[in-house]
Amino acid sequence: MRMSDIIEEFIKELFDDGSDAIEIQRNELAEHFNCVPSQINYVISTRFKPSQGYYVESRRGGGGHITIKKVNNDKEDYIMHIINNIGNELTANDVDILISDFLSYNIIDTKTAKLLKVATNDKVLKLDKSIKDEVRARIFKNMLLNI
């Protein structure tokens, strides 16, 4: 596993006690993982976005206090929240992260995950780079609407 994946898993495990929000100190977490605080920033900004079901509040000073809130809705509300926050473009990496989150929250099963992945794969979307992520977002959103 890459360091980013390990940090992400650690943060997600903090939610396992059933809380809707966690508070962490950027510097303490960086020290725990023996990495620079910017690595923590990277993980939080790429793996805990609103489109993935999280709200992040960050405060400067005092070691960089961060509050991460998880959106806890039923399956349909959660999917609509994701659809509304995806935007007009979606990269293959974004799709991978979303599918991983969907599986970990039991929003979809593995068969549906494979279908979402295959339908939005770069091998399928043999398009010009300028429109590929836009088309991927439209396909992904439409598939989610039909789940």
N, C-alpha and C. Protein backbone atom coordinates (compact mmCIF):
# COMPACT_ATOMS: atom_id res chain seq x y z
N MET A 1 0.83 -1.19 0.00
CA MET A 1 0.00 0.00 0.00
C MET A 1 0.87 1.25 0.00
N ARG A 2 0.39 2.25 -0.70
CA ARG A 2 1.08 3.54 -0.68
C ARG A 2 0.75 4.28 0.61
N MET A 3 1.62 5.20 0.97
CA MET A 3 1.42 5.98 2.20
C MET A 3 0.07 6.68 2.19
N SER A 4 -0.33 7.23 1.05
CA SER A 4 -1.62 7.92 0.96
C SER A 4 -2.77 6.97 1.29
N ASP A 5 -2.69 5.74 0.80
CA ASP A 5 -3.73 4.75 1.08
C ASP A 5 -3.77 4.40 2.56
N ILE A 6 -2.62 4.28 3.16
CA ILE A 6 -2.53 3.94 4.59
C ILE A 6 -3.13 5.06 5.44
N ILE A 7 -2.80 6.29 5.10
CA ILE A 7 -3.33 7.43 5.85
C ILE A 7 -4.85 7.50 5.68
N GLU A 8 -5.33 7.30 4.45
CA GLU A 8 -6.77 7.31 4.20
C GLU A 8 -7.47 6.25 5.03
N GLU A 9 -6.94 5.03 5.03
CA GLU A 9 -7.54 3.94 5.81
C GLU A 9 -7.58 4.29 7.29
N PHE A 10 -6.50 4.85 7.80
CA PHE A 10 -6.42 5.23 9.20
C PHE A 10 -7.52 6.23 9.55
N ILE A 11 -7.66 7.25 8.71
CA ILE A 11 -8.68 8.28 8.97
C ILE A 11 -10.07 7.67 8.90
N LYS A 12 -10.33 6.81 7.91
CA LYS A 12 -11.65 6.18 7.79
C LYS A 12 -11.95 5.28 8.98
N GLU A 13 -10.93 4.64 9.53
CA GLU A 13 -11.13 3.80 10.72
C GLU A 13 -11.55 4.62 11.92
N LEU A 14 -11.19 5.89 11.94
CA LEU A 14 -11.61 6.76 13.04
C LEU A 14 -13.13 6.94 13.06
N PHE A 15 -13.77 6.74 11.91
CA PHE A 15 -15.23 6.82 11.83
C PHE A 15 -15.91 5.53 12.27
N ASP A 16 -15.15 4.46 12.47
CA ASP A 16 -15.74 3.15 12.77
C ASP A 16 -16.52 3.10 14.07
N ASP A 17 -16.30 4.05 14.96
CA ASP A 17 -17.05 4.05 16.22
C ASP A 17 -18.46 4.61 16.05
N GLY A 18 -18.81 4.93 14.82
CA GLY A 18 -20.17 5.41 14.53
C GLY A 18 -20.31 6.92 14.54
N SER A 19 -19.22 7.65 14.79
CA SER A 19 -19.34 9.10 14.80
C SER A 19 -19.49 9.66 13.40
N ASP A 20 -20.15 10.80 13.33
CA ASP A 20 -20.37 11.48 12.06
C ASP A 20 -19.26 12.47 11.75
N ALA A 21 -18.43 12.78 12.75
CA ALA A 21 -17.36 13.74 12.56
C ALA A 21 -16.15 13.33 13.40
N ILE A 22 -14.98 13.63 12.88
CA ILE A 22 -13.74 13.39 13.63
C ILE A 22 -12.91 14.67 13.58
N GLU A 23 -12.07 14.83 14.58
CA GLU A 23 -11.16 15.96 14.61
C GLU A 23 -9.75 15.40 14.69
N ILE A 24 -8.89 15.92 13.85
CA ILE A 24 -7.50 15.48 13.85
C ILE A 24 -6.59 16.70 13.82
N GLN A 25 -5.36 16.49 14.25
CA GLN A 25 -4.34 17.53 14.18
C GLN A 25 -3.39 17.11 13.05
N ARG A 26 -3.23 17.96 12.08
CA ARG A 26 -2.39 17.66 10.92
C ARG A 26 -0.97 17.26 11.34
N ASN A 27 -0.36 18.03 12.23
CA ASN A 27 1.03 17.75 12.64
C ASN A 27 1.14 16.44 13.41
N GLU A 28 0.18 16.17 14.28
CA GLU A 28 0.21 14.92 15.04
C GLU A 28 0.08 13.71 14.11
N LEU A 29 -0.81 13.83 13.14
CA LEU A 29 -1.00 12.73 12.19
C LEU A 29 0.25 12.54 11.33
N ALA A 30 0.86 13.63 10.92
CA ALA A 30 2.10 13.56 10.13
C ALA A 30 3.21 12.90 10.95
N GLU A 31 3.27 13.24 12.22
CA GLU A 31 4.26 12.65 13.10
C GLU A 31 4.01 11.16 13.27
N HIS A 32 2.75 10.79 13.43
CA HIS A 32 2.36 9.38 13.59
C HIS A 32 2.82 8.54 12.39
N PHE A 33 2.68 9.10 11.19
CA PHE A 33 3.04 8.38 9.97
C PHE A 33 4.44 8.71 9.47
N ASN A 34 5.17 9.53 10.23
CA ASN A 34 6.52 9.92 9.86
C ASN A 34 6.56 10.48 8.43
N CYS A 35 5.68 11.44 8.19
CA CYS A 35 5.63 12.10 6.88
C CYS A 35 5.47 13.60 7.09
N VAL A 36 5.50 14.34 6.02
CA VAL A 36 5.33 15.79 6.11
C VAL A 36 3.84 16.14 6.19
N PRO A 37 3.49 17.23 6.85
CA PRO A 37 2.07 17.63 6.94
C PRO A 37 1.39 17.80 5.57
N SER A 38 2.16 18.17 4.55
CA SER A 38 1.55 18.33 3.23
C SER A 38 1.03 17.00 2.69
N GLN A 39 1.61 15.88 3.13
CA GLN A 39 1.09 14.56 2.73
C GLN A 39 -0.31 14.35 3.32
N ILE A 40 -0.51 14.80 4.54
CA ILE A 40 -1.83 14.72 5.17
C ILE A 40 -2.81 15.61 4.40
N ASN A 41 -2.38 16.82 4.06
CA ASN A 41 -3.22 17.73 3.26
C ASN A 41 -3.63 17.08 1.95
N TYR A 42 -2.68 16.44 1.29
CA TYR A 42 -2.95 15.79 0.01
C TYR A 42 -4.03 14.72 0.17
N VAL A 43 -3.88 13.87 1.16
CA VAL A 43 -4.85 12.78 1.38
C VAL A 43 -6.23 13.37 1.66
N ILE A 44 -6.30 14.35 2.50
CA ILE A 44 -7.59 14.93 2.86
C ILE A 44 -8.23 15.63 1.66
N SER A 45 -7.43 16.35 0.89
CA SER A 45 -8.01 17.08 -0.24
C SER A 45 -8.41 16.18 -1.40
N THR A 46 -7.80 14.99 -1.51
CA THR A 46 -8.13 14.10 -2.63
C THR A 46 -9.05 12.96 -2.25
N ARG A 47 -9.08 12.58 -0.98
CA ARG A 47 -9.85 11.39 -0.58
C ARG A 47 -11.06 11.70 0.29
N PHE A 48 -11.19 12.96 0.70
CA PHE A 48 -12.29 13.34 1.60
C PHE A 48 -12.99 14.58 1.06
N LYS A 49 -13.40 14.51 -0.19
CA LYS A 49 -14.07 15.62 -0.86
C LYS A 49 -15.59 15.49 -0.70
N PRO A 50 -16.31 16.58 -0.89
CA PRO A 50 -17.78 16.50 -0.83
C PRO A 50 -18.35 15.46 -1.80
N SER A 51 -17.72 15.33 -2.96
CA SER A 51 -18.22 14.35 -3.94
C SER A 51 -18.04 12.92 -3.45
N GLN A 52 -17.26 12.74 -2.38
CA GLN A 52 -17.05 11.42 -1.82
C GLN A 52 -17.78 11.25 -0.49
N GLY A 53 -18.63 12.22 -0.16
CA GLY A 53 -19.44 12.09 1.04
C GLY A 53 -18.86 12.70 2.29
N TYR A 54 -17.94 13.64 2.16
CA TYR A 54 -17.31 14.26 3.32
C TYR A 54 -17.32 15.78 3.21
N TYR A 55 -17.37 16.42 4.35
CA TYR A 55 -17.16 17.87 4.45
C TYR A 55 -15.94 18.06 5.33
N VAL A 56 -15.03 18.92 4.90
CA VAL A 56 -13.80 19.15 5.65
C VAL A 56 -13.73 20.60 6.05
N GLU A 57 -13.45 20.82 7.34
CA GLU A 57 -13.21 22.16 7.86
C GLU A 57 -11.79 22.17 8.37
N SER A 58 -11.01 23.13 7.91
CA SER A 58 -9.61 23.20 8.30
C SER A 58 -9.33 24.53 8.97
N ARG A 59 -8.59 24.49 10.07
CA ARG A 59 -8.20 25.71 10.76
C ARG A 59 -6.69 25.77 10.84
N ARG A 60 -6.17 26.92 10.57
CA ARG A 60 -4.71 27.12 10.63
C ARG A 60 -4.29 27.33 12.08
N GLY A 61 -3.02 27.09 12.31
CA GLY A 61 -2.45 27.31 13.64
C GLY A 61 -2.72 26.14 14.57
N GLY A 62 -1.95 26.05 15.61
CA GLY A 62 -2.14 25.00 16.60
C GLY A 62 -1.94 23.61 16.03
N GLY A 63 -1.13 23.47 15.02
CA GLY A 63 -0.87 22.16 14.45
C GLY A 63 -1.80 21.80 13.32
N GLY A 64 -2.65 22.70 12.91
CA GLY A 64 -3.52 22.44 11.79
C GLY A 64 -4.70 21.56 12.15
N HIS A 65 -5.61 22.08 12.90
CA HIS A 65 -6.80 21.36 13.35
C HIS A 65 -7.73 21.12 12.15
N ILE A 66 -8.17 19.88 11.95
CA ILE A 66 -9.04 19.53 10.83
C ILE A 66 -10.24 18.74 11.36
N THR A 67 -11.43 19.15 10.94
CA THR A 67 -12.64 18.41 11.25
C THR A 67 -13.16 17.82 9.94
N ILE A 68 -13.40 16.51 9.96
CA ILE A 68 -13.96 15.83 8.79
C ILE A 68 -15.31 15.28 9.20
N LYS A 69 -16.33 15.68 8.44
CA LYS A 69 -17.70 15.23 8.71
C LYS A 69 -18.15 14.31 7.59
N LYS A 70 -18.72 13.20 7.97
CA LYS A 70 -19.22 12.25 7.00
C LYS A 70 -20.70 12.48 6.79
N VAL A 71 -21.11 12.48 5.52
CA VAL A 71 -22.51 12.63 5.19
C VAL A 71 -23.18 11.28 5.43
N ASN A 72 -24.12 11.25 6.37
CA ASN A 72 -24.82 10.01 6.68
C ASN A 72 -26.27 10.12 6.24
N ASN A 73 -26.54 9.60 5.08
CA ASN A 73 -27.90 9.58 4.55
C ASN A 73 -28.22 8.16 4.11
N ASP A 74 -29.44 7.94 3.72
CA ASP A 74 -29.75 6.63 3.17
C ASP A 74 -29.10 6.52 1.80
N LYS A 75 -29.15 5.34 1.22
CA LYS A 75 -28.47 5.06 -0.04
C LYS A 75 -28.84 6.06 -1.13
N GLU A 76 -30.12 6.33 -1.31
CA GLU A 76 -30.56 7.23 -2.38
C GLU A 76 -30.06 8.66 -2.15
N ASP A 77 -30.15 9.13 -0.91
CA ASP A 77 -29.67 10.48 -0.59
C ASP A 77 -28.16 10.58 -0.81
N TYR A 78 -27.45 9.53 -0.40
CA TYR A 78 -26.00 9.53 -0.55
C TYR A 78 -25.62 9.59 -2.03
N ILE A 79 -26.27 8.77 -2.85
CA ILE A 79 -25.98 8.76 -4.29
C ILE A 79 -26.31 10.12 -4.90
N MET A 80 -27.43 10.72 -4.53
CA MET A 80 -27.78 12.04 -5.07
C MET A 80 -26.77 13.10 -4.61
N HIS A 81 -26.30 12.98 -3.39
CA HIS A 81 -25.28 13.90 -2.88
C HIS A 81 -24.02 13.79 -3.76
N ILE A 82 -23.62 12.59 -4.07
CA ILE A 82 -22.44 12.36 -4.91
C ILE A 82 -22.67 12.93 -6.31
N ILE A 83 -23.82 12.62 -6.90
CA ILE A 83 -24.13 13.11 -8.25
C ILE A 83 -24.08 14.64 -8.29
N ASN A 84 -24.66 15.28 -7.29
CA ASN A 84 -24.71 16.75 -7.25
C ASN A 84 -23.34 17.39 -7.03
N ASN A 85 -22.39 16.62 -6.50
CA ASN A 85 -21.07 17.18 -6.20
C ASN A 85 -19.98 16.74 -7.16
N ILE A 86 -20.30 15.92 -8.12
CA ILE A 86 -19.28 15.44 -9.05
C ILE A 86 -18.77 16.56 -9.95
N GLY A 87 -19.63 17.40 -10.42
CA GLY A 87 -19.21 18.45 -11.34
C GLY A 87 -19.32 17.97 -12.77
N ASN A 88 -18.69 18.70 -13.68
CA ASN A 88 -18.80 18.39 -15.10
C ASN A 88 -17.75 17.44 -15.61
N GLU A 89 -16.71 17.19 -14.84
CA GLU A 89 -15.64 16.31 -15.27
C GLU A 89 -15.28 15.34 -14.16
N LEU A 90 -14.82 14.15 -14.57
CA LEU A 90 -14.47 13.10 -13.62
C LEU A 90 -13.31 12.30 -14.21
N THR A 91 -12.22 12.19 -13.48
CA THR A 91 -11.08 11.41 -13.97
C THR A 91 -11.27 9.94 -13.63
N ALA A 92 -10.48 9.09 -14.25
CA ALA A 92 -10.53 7.66 -13.96
C ALA A 92 -10.16 7.42 -12.50
N ASN A 93 -9.22 8.19 -11.97
CA ASN A 93 -8.83 8.06 -10.57
C ASN A 93 -9.98 8.45 -9.64
N ASP A 94 -10.71 9.51 -9.99
CA ASP A 94 -11.88 9.92 -9.20
C ASP A 94 -12.91 8.79 -9.15
N VAL A 95 -13.14 8.15 -10.30
CA VAL A 95 -14.09 7.03 -10.37
C VAL A 95 -13.63 5.90 -9.45
N ASP A 96 -12.34 5.57 -9.48
CA ASP A 96 -11.82 4.51 -8.62
C ASP A 96 -12.06 4.80 -7.15
N ILE A 97 -11.82 6.04 -6.76
CA ILE A 97 -12.01 6.43 -5.36
C ILE A 97 -13.49 6.35 -4.98
N LEU A 98 -14.37 6.86 -5.84
CA LEU A 98 -15.80 6.82 -5.56
C LEU A 98 -16.30 5.38 -5.46
N ILE A 99 -15.88 4.53 -6.38
CA ILE A 99 -16.30 3.13 -6.35
C ILE A 99 -15.81 2.45 -5.08
N SER A 100 -14.59 2.73 -4.70
CA SER A 100 -14.05 2.17 -3.45
C SER A 100 -14.89 2.61 -2.25
N ASP A 101 -15.25 3.89 -2.22
CA ASP A 101 -16.10 4.40 -1.13
C ASP A 101 -17.47 3.74 -1.16
N PHE A 102 -18.06 3.62 -2.34
CA PHE A 102 -19.38 2.98 -2.47
C PHE A 102 -19.34 1.55 -1.92
N LEU A 103 -18.29 0.83 -2.24
CA LEU A 103 -18.16 -0.55 -1.75
C LEU A 103 -17.98 -0.59 -0.24
N SER A 104 -17.15 0.31 0.29
CA SER A 104 -16.90 0.28 1.73
C SER A 104 -18.13 0.70 2.54
N TYR A 105 -19.03 1.48 1.94
CA TYR A 105 -20.26 1.89 2.62
C TYR A 105 -21.46 1.04 2.22
N ASN A 106 -21.19 -0.03 1.49
CA ASN A 106 -22.26 -0.95 1.04
C ASN A 106 -23.35 -0.24 0.24
N ILE A 107 -22.96 0.75 -0.55
CA ILE A 107 -23.89 1.46 -1.42
C ILE A 107 -24.15 0.62 -2.67
N ILE A 108 -23.11 -0.06 -3.14
CA ILE A 108 -23.22 -0.92 -4.32
C ILE A 108 -22.55 -2.26 -4.02
N ASP A 109 -22.87 -3.26 -4.84
CA ASP A 109 -22.20 -4.55 -4.72
C ASP A 109 -21.04 -4.63 -5.71
N THR A 110 -20.28 -5.70 -5.66
CA THR A 110 -19.09 -5.80 -6.50
C THR A 110 -19.44 -5.89 -7.99
N LYS A 111 -20.57 -6.49 -8.32
CA LYS A 111 -20.97 -6.57 -9.73
C LYS A 111 -21.25 -5.17 -10.28
N THR A 112 -21.97 -4.36 -9.53
CA THR A 112 -22.26 -2.99 -9.94
C THR A 112 -20.97 -2.17 -10.02
N ALA A 113 -20.06 -2.39 -9.07
CA ALA A 113 -18.77 -1.70 -9.09
C ALA A 113 -18.01 -2.00 -10.37
N LYS A 114 -18.01 -3.26 -10.76
CA LYS A 114 -17.32 -3.64 -12.00
C LYS A 114 -17.96 -2.98 -13.22
N LEU A 115 -19.28 -2.92 -13.24
CA LEU A 115 -19.97 -2.27 -14.36
C LEU A 115 -19.64 -0.78 -14.43
N LEU A 116 -19.66 -0.11 -13.29
CA LEU A 116 -19.31 1.32 -13.25
C LEU A 116 -17.88 1.53 -13.74
N LYS A 117 -16.99 0.67 -13.30
CA LYS A 117 -15.57 0.79 -13.67
C LYS A 117 -15.37 0.55 -15.16
N VAL A 118 -15.98 -0.50 -15.68
CA VAL A 118 -15.82 -0.84 -17.10
C VAL A 118 -16.41 0.24 -18.00
N ALA A 119 -17.57 0.75 -17.65
CA ALA A 119 -18.26 1.73 -18.49
C ALA A 119 -17.52 3.07 -18.55
N THR A 120 -16.70 3.35 -17.56
CA THR A 120 -16.01 4.64 -17.50
C THR A 120 -14.50 4.51 -17.69
N ASN A 121 -14.06 3.35 -18.09
CA ASN A 121 -12.65 3.04 -18.28
C ASN A 121 -12.07 3.80 -19.47
N ASP A 122 -10.81 4.18 -19.38
CA ASP A 122 -10.15 4.89 -20.48
C ASP A 122 -10.09 4.04 -21.75
N LYS A 123 -10.06 2.72 -21.60
CA LYS A 123 -10.03 1.84 -22.78
C LYS A 123 -11.34 1.91 -23.55
N VAL A 124 -12.41 2.15 -22.84
CA VAL A 124 -13.73 2.28 -23.48
C VAL A 124 -13.90 3.69 -24.03
N LEU A 125 -13.45 4.66 -23.29
CA LEU A 125 -13.60 6.07 -23.68
C LEU A 125 -12.42 6.52 -24.54
N LYS A 126 -12.36 5.99 -25.72
CA LYS A 126 -11.29 6.37 -26.65
C LYS A 126 -11.67 7.68 -27.31
N LEU A 127 -11.54 8.73 -26.53
CA LEU A 127 -11.93 10.07 -26.96
C LEU A 127 -10.75 11.02 -26.78
N ASP A 128 -10.88 12.16 -27.39
CA ASP A 128 -9.89 13.21 -27.21
C ASP A 128 -9.84 13.60 -25.74
N LYS A 129 -8.65 13.84 -25.22
CA LYS A 129 -8.48 14.19 -23.81
C LYS A 129 -9.33 15.37 -23.38
N SER A 130 -9.60 16.28 -24.30
CA SER A 130 -10.33 17.50 -23.96
C SER A 130 -11.78 17.22 -23.56
N ILE A 131 -12.33 16.08 -23.97
CA ILE A 131 -13.74 15.77 -23.63
C ILE A 131 -13.91 14.47 -22.84
N LYS A 132 -12.84 13.68 -22.70
CA LYS A 132 -12.93 12.37 -22.06
C LYS A 132 -13.50 12.43 -20.65
N ASP A 133 -12.99 13.34 -19.81
CA ASP A 133 -13.45 13.41 -18.41
C ASP A 133 -14.88 13.93 -18.31
N GLU A 134 -15.28 14.77 -19.26
CA GLU A 134 -16.66 15.26 -19.29
C GLU A 134 -17.62 14.12 -19.65
N VAL A 135 -17.28 13.35 -20.64
CA VAL A 135 -18.11 12.21 -21.05
C VAL A 135 -18.17 11.18 -19.93
N ARG A 136 -17.01 10.93 -19.28
CA ARG A 136 -16.96 9.97 -18.17
C ARG A 136 -17.91 10.41 -17.05
N ALA A 137 -17.90 11.71 -16.72
CA ALA A 137 -18.78 12.22 -15.66
C ALA A 137 -20.24 12.02 -16.03
N ARG A 138 -20.60 12.29 -17.27
CA ARG A 138 -21.99 12.13 -17.71
C ARG A 138 -22.42 10.67 -17.66
N ILE A 139 -21.56 9.76 -18.09
CA ILE A 139 -21.88 8.33 -18.03
C ILE A 139 -22.02 7.89 -16.58
N PHE A 140 -21.07 8.27 -15.74
CA PHE A 140 -21.06 7.86 -14.34
C PHE A 140 -22.30 8.37 -13.62
N LYS A 141 -22.62 9.64 -13.81
CA LYS A 141 -23.82 10.21 -13.18
C LYS A 141 -25.09 9.48 -13.64
N ASN A 142 -25.19 9.22 -14.92
CA ASN A 142 -26.38 8.56 -15.45
C ASN A 142 -26.50 7.14 -14.88
N MET A 143 -25.39 6.44 -14.78
CA MET A 143 -25.43 5.10 -14.21
C MET A 143 -25.84 5.16 -12.74
N LEU A 144 -25.33 6.15 -12.01
CA LEU A 144 -25.71 6.27 -10.59
C LEU A 144 -27.19 6.58 -10.44
N LEU A 145 -27.73 7.38 -11.33
CA LEU A 145 -29.16 7.70 -11.29
C LEU A 145 -30.02 6.44 -11.45
N ASN A 146 -29.47 5.45 -12.10
CA ASN A 146 -30.23 4.23 -12.37
C ASN A 146 -29.92 3.08 -11.40
N ILE A 147 -29.11 3.36 -10.41
CA ILE A 147 -28.83 2.32 -9.40
C ILE A 147 -29.97 2.26 -8.40
